[in-house]
């Protein structure tokens, strides 16, 4: 499944972000592992998974393999970008069904746009 997602570029930036001081602060502050499933058009179909590991400070494509992530999120490509860029509030996304969550709710609450690098800071 080599679907090109707009989110791929953000995940690449996220990998670089993890090696910066700001990224290292995140791992100290959050210390959780998130799996993010991104679908081209419809949640649950042809999803591509990414692991945003804020324990180790890594971002990887593929499902999490060291046990269970603290929380798993499912989005469409467009909605993920809206939430990550701060254009859509995660709570609103969740209420509208634009974001699905599995796992710990307290872990999920720490999933905010602040985790992601802002294009303007690049």
PDB file of N, CA and C in Angstrom:
ATOM      1  N   UNK A   1       0.844  -1.207   0.000  1.00  0.00           N
ATOM      2  CA  UNK A   1       0.000   0.000   0.000  1.00  0.00           C
ATOM      3  C   UNK A   1       0.866   1.238   0.000  1.00  0.00           C
ATOM      4  N   UNK A   2       1.234   1.712  -1.163  1.00  0.00           N
ATOM      5  CA  UNK A   2       2.083   2.898  -1.199  1.00  0.00           C
ATOM      6  C   UNK A   2       1.259   4.123  -1.537  1.00  0.00           C
ATOM      7  N   UNK A   3       0.223   4.356  -0.755  1.00  0.00           N
ATOM      8  CA  UNK A   3      -0.588   5.550  -0.982  1.00  0.00           C
ATOM      9  C   UNK A   3       0.214   6.767  -0.545  1.00  0.00           C
ATOM     10  N   UNK A   4       0.303   7.772  -1.394  1.00  0.00           N
ATOM     11  CA  UNK A   4       0.952   9.019  -0.974  1.00  0.00           C
ATOM     12  C   UNK A   4      -0.048   9.815  -0.146  1.00  0.00           C
ATOM     13  N   UNK A   5       0.343  10.150   1.029  1.00  0.00           N
ATOM     14  CA  UNK A   5      -0.505  10.968   1.887  1.00  0.00           C
ATOM     15  C   UNK A   5       0.153  12.331   2.062  1.00  0.00           C
ATOM     16  N   UNK A   6      -0.677  13.339   2.242  1.00  0.00           N
ATOM     17  CA  UNK A   6      -0.128  14.660   2.565  1.00  0.00           C
ATOM     18  C   UNK A   6       0.571  14.593   3.928  1.00  0.00           C
ATOM     19  N   UNK A   7       0.071  13.703   4.763  1.00  0.00           N
ATOM     20  CA  UNK A   7       0.621  13.562   6.120  1.00  0.00           C
ATOM     21  C   UNK A   7       2.046  13.018   6.125  1.00  0.00           C
ATOM     22  N   UNK A   8       2.451  12.342   5.029  1.00  0.00           N
ATOM     23  CA  UNK A   8       3.814  11.789   4.976  1.00  0.00           C
ATOM     24  C   UNK A   8       4.853  12.881   5.222  1.00  0.00           C
ATOM     25  N   UNK A   9       4.624  14.042   4.592  1.00  0.00           N
ATOM     26  CA  UNK A   9       5.585  15.140   4.716  1.00  0.00           C
ATOM     27  C   UNK A   9       5.674  15.626   6.159  1.00  0.00           C
ATOM     28  N   UNK A  10       4.520  15.690   6.822  1.00  0.00           N
ATOM     29  CA  UNK A  10       4.511  16.123   8.219  1.00  0.00           C
ATOM     30  C   UNK A  10       5.259  15.116   9.099  1.00  0.00           C
ATOM     31  N   UNK A  11       5.068  13.824   8.812  1.00  0.00           N
ATOM     32  CA  UNK A  11       5.765  12.808   9.603  1.00  0.00           C
ATOM     33  C   UNK A  11       7.278  12.881   9.388  1.00  0.00           C
ATOM     34  N   UNK A  12       7.691  13.237   8.163  1.00  0.00           N
ATOM     35  CA  UNK A  12       9.123  13.424   7.898  1.00  0.00           C
ATOM     36  C   UNK A  12       9.660  14.591   8.734  1.00  0.00           C
ATOM     37  N   UNK A  13       8.896  15.684   8.768  1.00  0.00           N
ATOM     38  CA  UNK A  13       9.306  16.846   9.579  1.00  0.00           C
ATOM     39  C   UNK A  13       9.358  16.459  11.050  1.00  0.00           C
ATOM     40  N   UNK A  14       8.404  15.624  11.448  1.00  0.00           N
ATOM     41  CA  UNK A  14       8.323  15.178  12.840  1.00  0.00           C
ATOM     42  C   UNK A  14       9.580  14.386  13.230  1.00  0.00           C
ATOM     43  N   UNK A  15      10.068  13.554  12.294  1.00  0.00           N
ATOM     44  CA  UNK A  15      11.301  12.791  12.554  1.00  0.00           C
ATOM     45  C   UNK A  15      12.449  13.736  12.856  1.00  0.00           C
ATOM     46  N   UNK A  16      12.571  14.796  12.052  1.00  0.00           N
ATOM     47  CA  UNK A  16      13.641  15.777  12.262  1.00  0.00           C
ATOM     48  C   UNK A  16      13.425  16.532  13.571  1.00  0.00           C
ATOM     49  N   UNK A  17      12.167  16.867  13.827  1.00  0.00           N
ATOM     50  CA  UNK A  17      11.788  17.610  15.030  1.00  0.00           C
ATOM     51  C   UNK A  17      12.217  16.851  16.298  1.00  0.00           C
ATOM     52  N   UNK A  18      12.117  15.517  16.265  1.00  0.00           N
ATOM     53  CA  UNK A  18      12.472  14.694  17.430  1.00  0.00           C
ATOM     54  C   UNK A  18      13.935  14.826  17.820  1.00  0.00           C
ATOM     55  N   UNK A  19      14.787  15.169  16.845  1.00  0.00           N
ATOM     56  CA  UNK A  19      16.216  15.261  17.166  1.00  0.00           C
ATOM     57  C   UNK A  19      16.612  16.665  17.628  1.00  0.00           C
ATOM     58  N   UNK A  20      15.661  17.606  17.620  1.00  0.00           N
ATOM     59  CA  UNK A  20      15.962  18.966  18.083  1.00  0.00           C
ATOM     60  C   UNK A  20      15.737  19.069  19.594  1.00  0.00           C
ATOM     61  N   UNK A  21      16.151  20.172  20.168  1.00  0.00           N
ATOM     62  CA  UNK A  21      15.926  20.383  21.604  1.00  0.00           C
ATOM     63  C   UNK A  21      14.436  20.384  21.928  1.00  0.00           C
ATOM     64  N   UNK A  22      13.639  20.993  21.055  1.00  0.00           N
ATOM     65  CA  UNK A  22      12.192  21.027  21.284  1.00  0.00           C
ATOM     66  C   UNK A  22      11.632  19.599  21.308  1.00  0.00           C
ATOM     67  N   UNK A  23      12.133  18.786  20.411  1.00  0.00           N
ATOM     68  CA  UNK A  23      11.695  17.390  20.351  1.00  0.00           C
ATOM     69  C   UNK A  23      12.084  16.624  21.613  1.00  0.00           C
ATOM     70  N   UNK A  24      13.293  16.881  22.081  1.00  0.00           N
ATOM     71  CA  UNK A  24      13.760  16.207  23.299  1.00  0.00           C
ATOM     72  C   UNK A  24      12.947  16.634  24.520  1.00  0.00           C
ATOM     73  N   UNK A  25      12.537  17.896  24.538  1.00  0.00           N
ATOM     74  CA  UNK A  25      11.667  18.379  25.620  1.00  0.00           C
ATOM     75  C   UNK A  25      10.347  17.604  25.627  1.00  0.00           C
ATOM     76  N   UNK A  26       9.827  17.339  24.433  1.00  0.00           N
ATOM     77  CA  UNK A  26       8.564  16.607  24.315  1.00  0.00           C
ATOM     78  C   UNK A  26       8.652  15.232  24.942  1.00  0.00           C
ATOM     79  N   UNK A  27       9.772  14.536  24.662  1.00  0.00           N
ATOM     80  CA  UNK A  27       9.895  13.187  25.208  1.00  0.00           C
ATOM     81  C   UNK A  27       9.960  13.246  26.730  1.00  0.00           C
ATOM     82  N   UNK A  28      10.643  14.273  27.249  1.00  0.00           N
ATOM     83  CA  UNK A  28      10.688  14.438  28.718  1.00  0.00           C
ATOM     84  C   UNK A  28       9.301  14.707  29.278  1.00  0.00           C
ATOM     85  N   UNK A  29       8.569  15.575  28.580  1.00  0.00           N
ATOM     86  CA  UNK A  29       7.297  16.055  29.103  1.00  0.00           C
ATOM     87  C   UNK A  29       6.193  14.997  28.956  1.00  0.00           C
ATOM     88  N   UNK A  30       6.183  14.309  27.813  1.00  0.00           N
ATOM     89  CA  UNK A  30       5.038  13.442  27.507  1.00  0.00           C
ATOM     90  C   UNK A  30       5.332  11.971  27.795  1.00  0.00           C
ATOM     91  N   UNK A  31       6.435  11.465  27.270  1.00  0.00           N
ATOM     92  CA  UNK A  31       6.848  10.098  27.603  1.00  0.00           C
ATOM     93  C   UNK A  31       5.839   9.018  27.260  1.00  0.00           C
ATOM     94  N   UNK A  32       5.106   9.198  26.168  1.00  0.00           N
ATOM     95  CA  UNK A  32       4.089   8.224  25.765  1.00  0.00           C
ATOM     96  C   UNK A  32       4.320   7.803  24.321  1.00  0.00           C
ATOM     97  N   UNK A  33       3.696   6.692  23.965  1.00  0.00           N
ATOM     98  CA  UNK A  33       3.805   6.196  22.597  1.00  0.00           C
ATOM     99  C   UNK A  33       2.438   6.280  21.924  1.00  0.00           C
ATOM    100  N   UNK A  34       2.400   6.938  20.786  1.00  0.00           N
ATOM    101  CA  UNK A  34       1.159   7.073  20.020  1.00  0.00           C
ATOM    102  C   UNK A  34       1.281   6.337  18.693  1.00  0.00           C
ATOM    103  N   UNK A  35       0.232   5.654  18.336  1.00  0.00           N
ATOM    104  CA  UNK A  35       0.148   5.145  16.975  1.00  0.00           C
ATOM    105  C   UNK A  35      -0.917   5.962  16.258  1.00  0.00           C
ATOM    106  N   UNK A  36      -0.587   6.396  15.068  1.00  0.00           N
ATOM    107  CA  UNK A  36      -1.513   7.211  14.297  1.00  0.00           C
ATOM    108  C   UNK A  36      -1.802   6.494  12.988  1.00  0.00           C
ATOM    109  N   UNK A  37      -3.079   6.180  12.784  1.00  0.00           N
ATOM    110  CA  UNK A  37      -3.497   5.516  11.553  1.00  0.00           C
ATOM    111  C   UNK A  37      -4.141   6.560  10.657  1.00  0.00           C
ATOM    112  N   UNK A  38      -3.610   6.694   9.466  1.00  0.00           N
ATOM    113  CA  UNK A  38      -4.094   7.734   8.563  1.00  0.00           C
ATOM    114  C   UNK A  38      -4.634   7.099   7.285  1.00  0.00           C
ATOM    115  N   UNK A  39      -5.877   7.435   6.982  1.00  0.00           N
ATOM    116  CA  UNK A  39      -6.541   6.885   5.803  1.00  0.00           C
ATOM    117  C   UNK A  39      -6.628   7.958   4.725  1.00  0.00           C
ATOM    118  N   UNK A  40      -6.461   7.568   3.459  1.00  0.00           N
ATOM    119  CA  UNK A  40      -6.543   8.566   2.391  1.00  0.00           C
ATOM    120  C   UNK A  40      -7.894   9.299   2.390  1.00  0.00           C
ATOM    121  N   UNK A  41      -8.985   8.557   2.526  1.00  0.00           N
ATOM    122  CA  UNK A  41     -10.311   9.168   2.389  1.00  0.00           C
ATOM    123  C   UNK A  41     -11.268   8.823   3.532  1.00  0.00           C
ATOM    124  N   UNK A  42     -11.236   7.574   3.972  1.00  0.00           N
ATOM    125  CA  UNK A  42     -12.243   7.120   4.920  1.00  0.00           C
ATOM    126  C   UNK A  42     -11.559   6.346   6.041  1.00  0.00           C
ATOM    127  N   UNK A  43     -11.833   6.734   7.286  1.00  0.00           N
ATOM    128  CA  UNK A  43     -11.208   6.080   8.445  1.00  0.00           C
ATOM    129  C   UNK A  43     -11.448   4.573   8.365  1.00  0.00           C
ATOM    130  N   UNK A  44     -10.373   3.818   8.567  1.00  0.00           N
ATOM    131  CA  UNK A  44     -10.501   2.359   8.564  1.00  0.00           C
ATOM    132  C   UNK A  44     -10.189   1.706   7.228  1.00  0.00           C
ATOM    133  N   UNK A  45     -10.063   2.507   6.180  1.00  0.00           N
ATOM    134  CA  UNK A  45      -9.790   1.929   4.859  1.00  0.00           C
ATOM    135  C   UNK A  45      -8.416   2.355   4.338  1.00  0.00           C
ATOM    136  N   UNK A  46      -7.618   1.369   3.927  1.00  0.00           N
ATOM    137  CA  UNK A  46      -6.272   1.629   3.369  1.00  0.00           C
ATOM    138  C   UNK A  46      -5.435   2.521   4.272  1.00  0.00           C
ATOM    139  N   UNK A  47      -5.533   2.273   5.559  1.00  0.00           N
ATOM    140  CA  UNK A  47      -4.806   3.134   6.493  1.00  0.00           C
ATOM    141  C   UNK A  47      -3.298   2.878   6.433  1.00  0.00           C
ATOM    142  N   UNK A  48      -2.585   3.931   6.671  1.00  0.00           N
ATOM    143  CA  UNK A  48      -1.143   3.837   6.831  1.00  0.00           C
ATOM    144  C   UNK A  48      -0.875   4.172   8.296  1.00  0.00           C
ATOM    145  N   UNK A  49      -0.059   3.373   8.944  1.00  0.00           N
ATOM    146  CA  UNK A  49       0.201   3.603  10.369  1.00  0.00           C
ATOM    147  C   UNK A  49       1.562   4.256  10.568  1.00  0.00           C
ATOM    148  N   UNK A  50       1.601   5.130  11.549  1.00  0.00           N
ATOM    149  CA  UNK A  50       2.853   5.730  11.984  1.00  0.00           C
ATOM    150  C   UNK A  50       2.924   5.601  13.496  1.00  0.00           C
ATOM    151  N   UNK A  51       4.131   5.431  14.004  1.00  0.00           N
ATOM    152  CA  UNK A  51       4.324   5.443  15.446  1.00  0.00           C
ATOM    153  C   UNK A  51       5.074   6.717  15.800  1.00  0.00           C
ATOM    154  N   UNK A  52       4.461   7.504  16.675  1.00  0.00           N
ATOM    155  CA  UNK A  52       5.131   8.680  17.218  1.00  0.00           C
ATOM    156  C   UNK A  52       5.485   8.308  18.652  1.00  0.00           C
ATOM    157  N   UNK A  53       6.744   7.924  18.826  1.00  0.00           N
ATOM    158  CA  UNK A  53       7.208   7.406  20.112  1.00  0.00           C
ATOM    159  C   UNK A  53       7.845   8.549  20.887  1.00  0.00           C
ATOM    160  N   UNK A  54       7.070   9.084  21.842  1.00  0.00           N
ATOM    161  CA  UNK A  54       7.574  10.198  22.637  1.00  0.00           C
ATOM    162  C   UNK A  54       8.191   9.697  23.942  1.00  0.00           C
ATOM    163  N   UNK A  55       8.545   8.394  23.949  1.00  0.00           N
ATOM    164  CA  UNK A  55       9.398   7.866  25.020  1.00  0.00           C
ATOM    165  C   UNK A  55      10.827   7.868  24.497  1.00  0.00           C
ATOM    166  N   UNK A  56      10.985   7.270  23.306  1.00  0.00           N
ATOM    167  CA  UNK A  56      12.325   7.160  22.715  1.00  0.00           C
ATOM    168  C   UNK A  56      12.662   8.351  21.832  1.00  0.00           C
ATOM    169  N   UNK A  57      11.641   9.113  21.472  1.00  0.00           N
ATOM    170  CA  UNK A  57      11.877  10.227  20.557  1.00  0.00           C
ATOM    171  C   UNK A  57      12.080   9.759  19.132  1.00  0.00           C
ATOM    172  N   UNK A  58      11.177   8.907  18.661  1.00  0.00           N
ATOM    173  CA  UNK A  58      11.278   8.369  17.309  1.00  0.00           C
ATOM    174  C   UNK A  58       9.941   8.462  16.592  1.00  0.00           C
ATOM    175  N   UNK A  59      10.025   8.585  15.280  1.00  0.00           N
ATOM    176  CA  UNK A  59       8.827   8.518  14.448  1.00  0.00           C
ATOM    177  C   UNK A  59       9.104   7.467  13.385  1.00  0.00           C
ATOM    178  N   UNK A  60       8.205   6.498  13.279  1.00  0.00           N
ATOM    179  CA  UNK A  60       8.425   5.414  12.329  1.00  0.00           C
ATOM    180  C   UNK A  60       7.141   5.107  11.590  1.00  0.00           C
ATOM    181  N   UNK A  61       7.318   4.684  10.345  1.00  0.00           N
ATOM    182  CA  UNK A  61       6.159   4.204   9.612  1.00  0.00           C
ATOM    183  C   UNK A  61       5.921   2.751   9.988  1.00  0.00           C
ATOM    184  N   UNK A  62       4.641   2.364  10.089  1.00  0.00           N
ATOM    185  CA  UNK A  62       4.297   0.992  10.453  1.00  0.00           C
ATOM    186  C   UNK A  62       3.662   0.951  11.825  1.00  0.00           C
ATOM    187  N   UNK A  63       3.073  -0.175  12.149  1.00  0.00           N
ATOM    188  CA  UNK A  63       2.392  -0.326  13.439  1.00  0.00           C
ATOM    189  C   UNK A  63       3.422  -0.489  14.551  1.00  0.00           C
ATOM    190  N   UNK A  64       3.004  -0.175  15.772  1.00  0.00           N
ATOM    191  CA  UNK A  64       3.877  -0.294  16.939  1.00  0.00           C
ATOM    192  C   UNK A  64       4.043  -1.765  17.295  1.00  0.00           C
ATOM    193  N   UNK A  65       5.284  -2.188  17.510  1.00  0.00           N
ATOM    194  CA  UNK A  65       5.521  -3.617  17.719  1.00  0.00           C
ATOM    195  C   UNK A  65       5.990  -3.987  19.116  1.00  0.00           C
ATOM    196  N   UNK A  66       6.239  -2.991  19.970  1.00  0.00           N
ATOM    197  CA  UNK A  66       6.711  -3.319  21.332  1.00  0.00           C
ATOM    198  C   UNK A  66       5.553  -3.312  22.312  1.00  0.00           C
ATOM    199  N   UNK A  67       4.591  -4.196  22.127  1.00  0.00           N
ATOM    200  CA  UNK A  67       3.438  -4.197  23.027  1.00  0.00           C
ATOM    201  C   UNK A  67       2.368  -3.284  22.466  1.00  0.00           C
ATOM    202  N   UNK A  68       1.701  -2.564  23.364  1.00  0.00           N
ATOM    203  CA  UNK A  68       0.604  -1.692  22.927  1.00  0.00           C
ATOM    204  C   UNK A  68       0.993  -0.237  23.053  1.00  0.00           C
ATOM    205  N   UNK A  69       0.621   0.582  22.067  1.00  0.00           N
ATOM    206  CA  UNK A  69       0.844   2.021  22.247  1.00  0.00           C
ATOM    207  C   UNK A  69      -0.057   2.551  23.367  1.00  0.00           C
ATOM    208  N   UNK A  70       0.311   3.681  23.957  1.00  0.00           N
ATOM    209  CA  UNK A  70      -0.523   4.263  25.026  1.00  0.00           C
ATOM    210  C   UNK A  70      -1.879   4.702  24.471  1.00  0.00           C
ATOM    211  N   UNK A  71      -1.865   5.202  23.245  1.00  0.00           N
ATOM    212  CA  UNK A  71      -3.124   5.570  22.591  1.00  0.00           C
ATOM    213  C   UNK A  71      -2.935   5.450  21.091  1.00  0.00           C
ATOM    214  N   UNK A  72      -4.010   5.074  20.415  1.00  0.00           N
ATOM    215  CA  UNK A  72      -4.008   4.962  18.954  1.00  0.00           C
ATOM    216  C   UNK A  72      -5.080   5.895  18.418  1.00  0.00           C
ATOM    217  N   UNK A  73      -4.709   6.661  17.411  1.00  0.00           N
ATOM    218  CA  UNK A  73      -5.637   7.606  16.795  1.00  0.00           C
ATOM    219  C   UNK A  73      -5.853   7.225  15.349  1.00  0.00           C
ATOM    220  N   UNK A  74      -7.082   7.386  14.879  1.00  0.00           N
ATOM    221  CA  UNK A  74      -7.366   7.187  13.461  1.00  0.00           C
ATOM    222  C   UNK A  74      -7.952   8.464  12.896  1.00  0.00           C
ATOM    223  N   UNK A  75      -7.443   8.843  11.741  1.00  0.00           N
ATOM    224  CA  UNK A  75      -7.865  10.066  11.055  1.00  0.00           C
ATOM    225  C   UNK A  75      -7.930   9.802   9.550  1.00  0.00           C
ATOM    226  N   UNK A  76      -8.570  10.721   8.827  1.00  0.00           N
ATOM    227  CA  UNK A  76      -8.292  10.803   7.401  1.00  0.00           C
ATOM    228  C   UNK A  76      -7.087  11.732   7.253  1.00  0.00           C
ATOM    229  N   UNK A  77      -6.471  11.655   6.104  1.00  0.00           N
ATOM    230  CA  UNK A  77      -5.285  12.454   5.804  1.00  0.00           C
ATOM    231  C   UNK A  77      -5.545  13.948   6.072  1.00  0.00           C
ATOM    232  N   UNK A  78      -6.630  14.471   5.507  1.00  0.00           N
ATOM    233  CA  UNK A  78      -6.929  15.900   5.656  1.00  0.00           C
ATOM    234  C   UNK A  78      -7.184  16.292   7.104  1.00  0.00           C
ATOM    235  N   UNK A  79      -7.951  15.463   7.811  1.00  0.00           N
ATOM    236  CA  UNK A  79      -8.284  15.801   9.198  1.00  0.00           C
ATOM    237  C   UNK A  79      -7.071  15.726  10.108  1.00  0.00           C
ATOM    238  N   UNK A  80      -6.189  14.769   9.829  1.00  0.00           N
ATOM    239  CA  UNK A  80      -4.963  14.690  10.633  1.00  0.00           C
ATOM    240  C   UNK A  80      -4.164  15.983  10.487  1.00  0.00           C
ATOM    241  N   UNK A  81      -4.037  16.454   9.263  1.00  0.00           N
ATOM    242  CA  UNK A  81      -3.278  17.691   9.054  1.00  0.00           C
ATOM    243  C   UNK A  81      -3.944  18.875   9.740  1.00  0.00           C
ATOM    244  N   UNK A  82      -5.272  18.904   9.731  1.00  0.00           N
ATOM    245  CA  UNK A  82      -5.988  20.001  10.407  1.00  0.00           C
ATOM    246  C   UNK A  82      -5.715  19.980  11.907  1.00  0.00           C
ATOM    247  N   UNK A  83      -5.759  18.800  12.503  1.00  0.00           N
ATOM    248  CA  UNK A  83      -5.530  18.692  13.943  1.00  0.00           C
ATOM    249  C   UNK A  83      -4.066  18.995  14.271  1.00  0.00           C
ATOM    250  N   UNK A  84      -3.140  18.403  13.502  1.00  0.00           N
ATOM    251  CA  UNK A  84      -1.708  18.586  13.781  1.00  0.00           C
ATOM    252  C   UNK A  84      -1.279  20.042  13.609  1.00  0.00           C
ATOM    253  N   UNK A  85      -1.935  20.744  12.690  1.00  0.00           N
ATOM    254  CA  UNK A  85      -1.541  22.131  12.443  1.00  0.00           C
ATOM    255  C   UNK A  85      -2.290  23.104  13.348  1.00  0.00           C
ATOM    256  N   UNK A  86      -3.208  22.575  14.163  1.00  0.00           N
ATOM    257  CA  UNK A  86      -3.928  23.435  15.092  1.00  0.00           C
ATOM    258  C   UNK A  86      -5.163  24.087  14.481  1.00  0.00           C
ATOM    259  N   UNK A  87      -5.531  23.692  13.253  1.00  0.00           N
ATOM    260  CA  UNK A  87      -6.721  24.281  12.623  1.00  0.00           C
ATOM    261  C   UNK A  87      -8.004  23.658  13.154  1.00  0.00           C
ATOM    262  N   UNK A  88      -7.884  22.428  13.657  1.00  0.00           N
ATOM    263  CA  UNK A  88      -9.053  21.783  14.269  1.00  0.00           C
ATOM    264  C   UNK A  88      -8.657  21.281  15.647  1.00  0.00           C
ATOM    265  N   UNK A  89      -9.470  21.642  16.635  1.00  0.00           N
ATOM    266  CA  UNK A  89      -9.232  21.215  18.008  1.00  0.00           C
ATOM    267  C   UNK A  89      -9.468  19.699  18.118  1.00  0.00           C
ATOM    268  N   UNK A  90      -8.533  18.966  18.775  1.00  0.00           N
ATOM    269  CA  UNK A  90      -8.694  17.509  18.879  1.00  0.00           C
ATOM    270  C   UNK A  90     -10.040  17.087  19.484  1.00  0.00           C
ATOM    271  N   UNK A  91     -10.520  17.827  20.508  1.00  0.00           N
ATOM    272  CA  UNK A  91     -11.810  17.460  21.123  1.00  0.00           C
ATOM    273  C   UNK A  91     -12.947  17.577  20.117  1.00  0.00           C
ATOM    274  N   UNK A  92     -12.909  18.641  19.313  1.00  0.00           N
ATOM    275  CA  UNK A  92     -13.953  18.836  18.309  1.00  0.00           C
ATOM    276  C   UNK A  92     -13.852  17.746  17.251  1.00  0.00           C
ATOM    277  N   UNK A  93     -12.624  17.438  16.848  1.00  0.00           N
ATOM    278  CA  UNK A  93     -12.407  16.377  15.858  1.00  0.00           C
ATOM    279  C   UNK A  93     -13.010  15.064  16.369  1.00  0.00           C
ATOM    280  N   UNK A  94     -12.790  14.792  17.653  1.00  0.00           N
ATOM    281  CA  UNK A  94     -13.290  13.563  18.256  1.00  0.00           C
ATOM    282  C   UNK A  94     -14.825  13.550  18.266  1.00  0.00           C
ATOM    283  N   UNK A  95     -15.411  14.690  18.663  1.00  0.00           N
ATOM    284  CA  UNK A  95     -16.872  14.757  18.739  1.00  0.00           C
ATOM    285  C   UNK A  95     -17.526  14.643  17.370  1.00  0.00           C
ATOM    286  N   UNK A  96     -16.849  15.173  16.350  1.00  0.00           N
ATOM    287  CA  UNK A  96     -17.388  15.084  14.986  1.00  0.00           C
ATOM    288  C   UNK A  96     -17.125  13.738  14.330  1.00  0.00           C
ATOM    289  N   UNK A  97     -16.367  12.871  15.020  1.00  0.00           N
ATOM    290  CA  UNK A  97     -16.022  11.588  14.417  1.00  0.00           C
ATOM    291  C   UNK A  97     -14.880  11.702  13.419  1.00  0.00           C
ATOM    292  N   UNK A  98     -14.181  12.832  13.434  1.00  0.00           N
ATOM    293  CA  UNK A  98     -13.042  13.019  12.524  1.00  0.00           C
ATOM    294  C   UNK A  98     -11.780  12.373  13.097  1.00  0.00           C
ATOM    295  N   UNK A  99     -11.858  11.989  14.364  1.00  0.00           N
ATOM    296  CA  UNK A  99     -10.724  11.350  15.022  1.00  0.00           C
ATOM    297  C   UNK A  99     -11.274  10.234  15.896  1.00  0.00           C
ATOM    298  N   UNK A 100     -10.711   9.046  15.752  1.00  0.00           N
ATOM    299  CA  UNK A 100     -11.116   7.937  16.620  1.00  0.00           C
ATOM    300  C   UNK A 100      -9.948   7.611  17.542  1.00  0.00           C
ATOM    301  N   UNK A 101     -10.273   7.268  18.770  1.00  0.00           N
ATOM    302  CA  UNK A 101      -9.234   7.011  19.776  1.00  0.00           C
ATOM    303  C   UNK A 101      -9.414   5.630  20.391  1.00  0.00           C
ATOM    304  N   UNK A 102      -8.298   4.905  20.497  1.00  0.00           N
ATOM    305  CA  UNK A 102      -8.279   3.656  21.279  1.00  0.00           C
ATOM    306  C   UNK A 102      -7.187   3.809  22.321  1.00  0.00           C
ATOM    307  N   UNK A 103      -7.406   3.204  23.475  1.00  0.00           N
ATOM    308  CA  UNK A 103      -6.352   3.240  24.491  1.00  0.00           C
ATOM    309  C   UNK A 103      -6.687   4.215  25.601  1.00  0.00           C
ATOM    310  N   UNK A 104      -5.653   4.705  26.251  1.00  0.00           N
ATOM    311  CA  UNK A 104      -5.825   5.518  27.451  1.00  0.00           C
ATOM    312  C   UNK A 104      -6.292   6.930  27.102  1.00  0.00           C
ATOM    313  N   UNK A 105      -7.384   7.350  27.740  1.00  0.00           N
ATOM    314  CA  UNK A 105      -7.908   8.689  27.505  1.00  0.00           C
ATOM    315  C   UNK A 105      -6.950   9.744  28.077  1.00  0.00           C
ATOM    316  N   UNK A 106      -6.337   9.440  29.205  1.00  0.00           N
ATOM    317  CA  UNK A 106      -5.401  10.429  29.769  1.00  0.00           C
ATOM    318  C   UNK A 106      -4.186  10.595  28.847  1.00  0.00           C
ATOM    319  N   UNK A 107      -3.758   9.499  28.222  1.00  0.00           N
ATOM    320  CA  UNK A 107      -2.660   9.598  27.246  1.00  0.00           C
ATOM    321  C   UNK A 107      -3.136  10.384  26.029  1.00  0.00           C
ATOM    322  N   UNK A 108      -4.372  10.135  25.624  1.00  0.00           N
ATOM    323  CA  UNK A 108      -4.930  10.807  24.448  1.00  0.00           C
ATOM    324  C   UNK A 108      -5.040  12.313  24.664  1.00  0.00           C
ATOM    325  N   UNK A 109      -5.303  12.712  25.905  1.00  0.00           N
ATOM    326  CA  UNK A 109      -5.447  14.142  26.195  1.00  0.00           C
ATOM    327  C   UNK A 109      -4.134  14.908  26.046  1.00  0.00           C
ATOM    328  N   UNK A 110      -3.022  14.176  26.103  1.00  0.00           N
ATOM    329  CA  UNK A 110      -1.727  14.847  25.936  1.00  0.00           C
ATOM    330  C   UNK A 110      -1.351  14.972  24.465  1.00  0.00           C
ATOM    331  N   UNK A 111      -2.203  14.441  23.613  1.00  0.00           N
ATOM    332  CA  UNK A 111      -1.971  14.514  22.174  1.00  0.00           C
ATOM    333  C   UNK A 111      -2.541  15.841  21.687  1.00  0.00           C
ATOM    334  N   UNK A 112      -1.676  16.817  21.491  1.00  0.00           N
ATOM    335  CA  UNK A 112      -2.131  18.155  21.105  1.00  0.00           C
ATOM    336  C   UNK A 112      -1.307  18.623  19.906  1.00  0.00           C
ATOM    337  N   UNK A 113      -1.763  19.670  19.239  1.00  0.00           N
ATOM    338  CA  UNK A 113      -0.984  20.202  18.107  1.00  0.00           C
ATOM    339  C   UNK A 113       0.437  20.625  18.513  1.00  0.00           C
ATOM    340  N   UNK A 114       0.655  20.893  19.788  1.00  0.00           N
ATOM    341  CA  UNK A 114       1.988  21.300  20.262  1.00  0.00           C
ATOM    342  C   UNK A 114       3.061  20.248  20.022  1.00  0.00           C
ATOM    343  N   UNK A 115       2.636  19.009  19.860  1.00  0.00           N
ATOM    344  CA  UNK A 115       3.588  17.927  19.621  1.00  0.00           C
ATOM    345  C   UNK A 115       4.264  18.117  18.260  1.00  0.00           C
ATOM    346  N   UNK A 116       3.509  18.652  17.326  1.00  0.00           N
ATOM    347  CA  UNK A 116       3.988  18.663  15.938  1.00  0.00           C
ATOM    348  C   UNK A 116       4.717  19.951  15.610  1.00  0.00           C
ATOM    349  N   UNK A 117       5.741  19.836  14.758  1.00  0.00           N
ATOM    350  CA  UNK A 117       6.464  21.043  14.356  1.00  0.00           C
ATOM    351  C   UNK A 117       5.541  21.928  13.528  1.00  0.00           C
ATOM    352  N   UNK A 118       5.659  23.203  13.699  1.00  0.00           N
ATOM    353  CA  UNK A 118       4.835  24.135  12.925  1.00  0.00           C
ATOM    354  C   UNK A 118       5.563  24.481  11.637  1.00  0.00           C
ATOM    355  N   UNK A 119       4.891  24.409  10.515  1.00  0.00           N
ATOM    356  CA  UNK A 119       5.547  24.745   9.248  1.00  0.00           C
ATOM    357  C   UNK A 119       6.198  26.137   9.287  1.00  0.00           C
ATOM    358  N   UNK A 120       5.571  27.068  10.020  1.00  0.00           N
ATOM    359  CA  UNK A 120       6.097  28.438  10.099  1.00  0.00           C
ATOM    360  C   UNK A 120       7.459  28.496  10.803  1.00  0.00           C
ATOM    361  N   UNK A 121       7.745  27.498  11.640  1.00  0.00           N
ATOM    362  CA  UNK A 121       9.026  27.518  12.378  1.00  0.00           C
ATOM    363  C   UNK A 121      10.140  26.863  11.570  1.00  0.00           C
ATOM    364  N   UNK A 122       9.807  26.344  10.417  1.00  0.00           N
ATOM    365  CA  UNK A 122      10.819  25.632   9.625  1.00  0.00           C
ATOM    366  C   UNK A 122      11.782  26.639   9.012  1.00  0.00           C
TER     367      UNK A 122
END
